[in-house]
Structures are given as C-alpha cells and as structure tokens.
Amino acid sequence: MVGAKLRAPKRLALVLLAALTVGGPVAAADRPTPSGLPVPRWVTLKFDKVNARKGPGDDHRLLWVYRARGLPVQVVAETAEWRRVCDPDGGLAWVHKRTTDGRRALMNVKPQPVALRRKPKPTAKVGAYLNSRALAALVRCDKGWCRVRAEGASGWVREGELWGTASRPQCR
C-alpha cells in the first residue's frame, strides 16, 4: 500500500508535464505536431507582406516584415496558429499559419548562377541558369536530383544545391 501512495504523485507529475508540453511549440520530428505535418518542412510565404515576430502571437515584438511573396522558408517549430520559420538568410521568426502556403519553392542563395541540367546527371547539358537570389518552383525530387521550373525554363539540380531542398533543419 505504501508503494501505491508513492507512485500516484509521480504519475500525476507525469500527466501534468505531458499536459503542459502539449500546448507549447513542437520541433521534434518524432512528436505529433498541431498541424499533423512533419517538422521541419518547407513552405512558402503566401503574401507580399508577412510580419515576422519574436514569439508565437500578435502580442510579441515585430522583428521585421517579409516582402517576398513565394519566399521559401523552413518550418522548424509550430503551435496551433503560429509557425517558427527559418529564412534563406538564416533568420528565425514566428509567422501566422495563414501567411504560409504548402507549395514548394526554391531559391538560389549562392552568389553565382546555378546550372539547370536537361537530365538528372552531372554531365548532362545545361539548359538554363538560375541567377543568384532567383526563385524557382519545385516540381519533384528523385534519387538526389530535383526538377525545377522558373520563368518558362526547367531543369535538374542536385538536391541540396538550392535553398528549399535539404531535409535537415537549416537554422539552429
């Protein structure tokens, strides 16, 4: 009987701890997220103007305003209404979920153009170049290569060569 009395407070503490963590931001891929989607994951900004905040809520300080519709960002944590995103410049901020879109886009963050190859091979002919800071739509990735489309041109790039294709978290 004494053992049962000792276990009850421990069990209560575990239940309380679990209840407290359910409402907080979720970042680990092995835990369920409020959206049911994996974290990290890639999304784009839906509007020309998106407020970036210090924390998940309108009452948190405004850090900056994104002015780039279609900018690819990586969701690294989330609450029911807010997403913590990592941007191509390494910035971390919270944005409201309604300001993001599940469509995938990529960005060349390198200072030089990136070759878009006609086939998913390193020796394939170059069909076009994606300029520095240019955006492209992600068509699909397969066996380490990604098919992209930008302004009427399309081609293949190695996975990880453009911002928006890496599966690991990009900001810490």
Protein backbone atom coordinates (compact mmCIF):
# COMPACT_ATOMS: atom_id res chain seq x y z
CA MET A 1 0.00 0.00 0.00
CA VAL A 2 2.85 2.40 0.69
CA GLY A 3 4.25 1.75 -2.81
CA ALA A 4 0.90 2.75 -4.37
CA LYS A 5 0.91 6.06 -2.49
CA LEU A 6 4.40 6.87 -3.74
CA ARG A 7 3.53 6.08 -7.36
CA ALA A 8 0.41 8.26 -7.50
CA PRO A 9 2.24 11.61 -7.13
CA LYS A 10 4.82 10.56 -9.75
CA ARG A 11 2.04 9.59 -12.16
CA LEU A 12 0.28 12.91 -11.51
CA ALA A 13 3.51 14.80 -12.15
CA LEU A 14 3.97 12.98 -15.47
CA VAL A 15 0.38 13.73 -16.50
CA LEU A 16 0.85 17.41 -15.62
CA LEU A 17 4.15 17.55 -17.51
CA ALA A 18 2.52 15.98 -20.57
CA ALA A 19 -0.39 18.45 -20.38
CA LEU A 20 1.98 21.40 -20.18
CA THR A 21 4.03 20.35 -23.20
CA VAL A 22 1.06 19.63 -25.49
CA GLY A 23 0.21 23.33 -25.92
CA GLY A 24 3.79 24.53 -26.49
CA PRO A 25 5.81 24.73 -29.69
CA VAL A 26 6.69 21.42 -31.28
CA ALA A 27 10.02 20.93 -33.03
CA ALA A 28 10.97 17.26 -32.91
CA ALA A 29 10.07 15.14 -35.94
CA ASP A 30 9.12 12.13 -33.77
CA ARG A 31 6.38 14.01 -31.87
CA PRO A 32 2.95 14.81 -33.28
CA THR A 33 2.54 18.43 -34.35
CA PRO A 34 -0.58 20.61 -34.02
CA SER A 35 -0.95 20.60 -37.82
CA GLY A 36 -0.24 16.88 -38.15
CA LEU A 37 2.53 17.73 -40.64
CA PRO A 38 6.22 16.96 -40.13
CA VAL A 39 8.67 19.46 -38.66
CA PRO A 40 10.94 20.52 -40.24
CA ARG A 41 9.13 21.05 -43.54
CA TRP A 42 9.22 23.54 -46.40
CA VAL A 43 6.52 26.11 -47.18
CA THR A 44 6.37 29.45 -48.98
CA LEU A 45 5.12 32.84 -47.86
CA LYS A 46 1.66 33.46 -49.24
CA PHE A 47 1.56 37.26 -49.27
CA ASP A 48 3.66 40.24 -50.36
CA LYS A 49 3.81 41.41 -46.75
CA VAL A 50 4.25 38.97 -43.82
CA ASN A 51 5.00 40.06 -40.26
CA ALA A 52 7.86 38.20 -38.54
CA ARG A 53 7.53 38.15 -34.75
CA LYS A 54 9.78 37.29 -31.79
CA GLY A 55 7.25 34.77 -30.44
CA PRO A 56 4.03 32.98 -31.42
CA GLY A 57 1.40 35.70 -31.06
CA ASP A 58 0.41 39.19 -32.18
CA ASP A 59 1.44 40.46 -28.75
CA HIS A 60 5.09 39.55 -29.43
CA ARG A 61 7.53 42.14 -30.77
CA LEU A 62 7.63 42.63 -34.55
CA LEU A 63 11.15 41.74 -35.74
CA TRP A 64 10.80 42.56 -39.45
CA VAL A 65 8.39 42.33 -42.36
CA TYR A 66 8.98 39.86 -45.17
CA ARG A 67 8.20 41.48 -48.53
CA ALA A 68 8.67 38.49 -50.80
CA ARG A 69 5.62 36.51 -51.86
CA GLY A 70 6.66 32.92 -52.66
CA LEU A 71 9.79 33.04 -50.48
CA PRO A 72 10.72 29.50 -49.42
CA VAL A 73 11.03 29.11 -45.64
CA GLN A 74 11.50 26.08 -43.44
CA VAL A 75 9.06 25.46 -40.58
CA VAL A 76 11.21 24.40 -37.60
CA ALA A 77 8.55 24.58 -34.86
CA GLU A 78 4.85 25.27 -34.59
CA THR A 79 1.89 25.95 -32.35
CA ALA A 80 -1.74 25.56 -33.38
CA GLU A 81 -1.78 29.04 -35.00
CA TRP A 82 1.89 30.00 -35.49
CA ARG A 83 4.91 28.67 -37.39
CA ARG A 84 8.54 29.33 -36.47
CA VAL A 85 10.35 29.66 -39.78
CA CYS A 86 13.94 29.79 -40.92
CA ASP A 87 14.54 32.01 -43.95
CA PRO A 88 17.26 31.91 -46.65
CA ASP A 89 19.34 34.50 -44.76
CA GLY A 90 19.33 32.43 -41.55
CA GLY A 91 16.68 34.49 -39.77
CA LEU A 92 14.32 32.78 -37.32
CA ALA A 93 10.90 34.27 -36.64
CA TRP A 94 7.30 33.35 -35.97
CA VAL A 95 4.65 33.93 -38.66
CA HIS A 96 0.94 33.20 -38.56
CA LYS A 97 -0.06 29.94 -40.24
CA ARG A 98 -2.46 31.74 -42.60
CA THR A 99 0.53 33.55 -44.16
CA THR A 100 2.15 30.32 -45.36
CA ASP A 101 1.40 28.10 -48.34
CA GLY A 102 2.24 24.41 -48.73
CA ARG A 103 3.52 24.93 -52.27
CA ARG A 104 7.24 24.29 -52.56
CA ALA A 105 9.67 26.81 -54.00
CA LEU A 106 13.44 27.01 -54.13
CA MET A 107 15.94 29.85 -54.09
CA ASN A 108 19.50 30.15 -55.31
CA VAL A 109 21.31 31.63 -52.30
CA LYS A 110 24.74 31.32 -53.92
CA PRO A 111 26.44 34.42 -55.38
CA GLN A 112 26.80 32.75 -58.80
CA PRO A 113 24.14 31.24 -61.12
CA VAL A 114 23.28 27.55 -60.74
CA ALA A 115 23.06 25.36 -63.83
CA LEU A 116 19.72 23.71 -64.62
CA ARG A 117 20.62 20.49 -66.42
CA ARG A 118 18.47 18.81 -69.06
CA LYS A 119 18.77 15.41 -67.35
CA PRO A 120 19.44 14.40 -63.74
CA LYS A 121 23.15 13.74 -64.37
CA PRO A 122 26.20 15.86 -63.55
CA THR A 123 27.42 15.54 -67.16
CA ALA A 124 24.08 16.49 -68.78
CA LYS A 125 23.88 19.60 -70.95
CA VAL A 126 22.90 22.84 -69.28
CA GLY A 127 19.53 24.14 -70.44
CA ALA A 128 19.39 27.31 -68.36
CA TYR A 129 20.84 29.03 -65.31
CA LEU A 130 19.08 30.16 -62.17
CA ASN A 131 20.51 33.52 -61.14
CA SER A 132 21.55 34.40 -57.61
CA ARG A 133 18.56 35.16 -55.32
CA ALA A 134 16.14 33.89 -58.01
CA LEU A 135 13.14 31.74 -57.12
CA ALA A 136 12.03 28.54 -58.82
CA ALA A 137 9.11 26.16 -58.34
CA LEU A 138 9.95 22.65 -57.17
CA VAL A 139 8.41 20.05 -59.49
CA ARG A 140 9.79 16.93 -57.76
CA CYS A 141 12.91 15.34 -56.29
CA ASP A 142 14.13 11.86 -57.16
CA LYS A 143 17.36 9.99 -56.35
CA GLY A 144 19.29 13.06 -55.23
CA TRP A 145 18.13 15.35 -58.06
CA CYS A 146 15.33 17.93 -58.15
CA ARG A 147 13.36 19.10 -61.18
CA VAL A 148 12.69 22.84 -61.02
CA ARG A 149 10.83 25.37 -63.14
CA ALA A 150 11.43 29.12 -63.36
CA GLU A 151 10.11 31.66 -65.87
CA GLY A 152 9.49 29.18 -68.68
CA ALA A 153 12.75 27.26 -68.16
CA SER A 154 13.08 23.96 -66.35
CA GLY A 155 15.84 21.59 -65.47
CA TRP A 156 17.52 19.42 -62.86
CA VAL A 157 19.75 20.41 -59.95
CA ARG A 158 21.38 18.28 -57.27
CA GLU A 159 19.31 18.02 -54.13
CA GLY A 160 20.65 20.49 -51.57
CA GLU A 161 22.14 22.83 -54.17
CA LEU A 162 19.24 25.27 -53.86
CA TRP A 163 17.63 26.59 -50.68
CA GLY A 164 14.46 24.61 -50.09
CA THR A 165 15.59 21.05 -50.83
CA ALA A 166 17.52 19.98 -47.70
CA SER A 167 15.64 17.73 -45.29
CA ARG A 168 17.63 18.69 -42.17
CA PRO A 169 16.89 21.87 -40.20
CA GLN A 170 18.60 24.86 -41.78
CA CYS A 171 18.63 27.20 -38.76
CA ARG A 172 19.56 26.43 -35.18
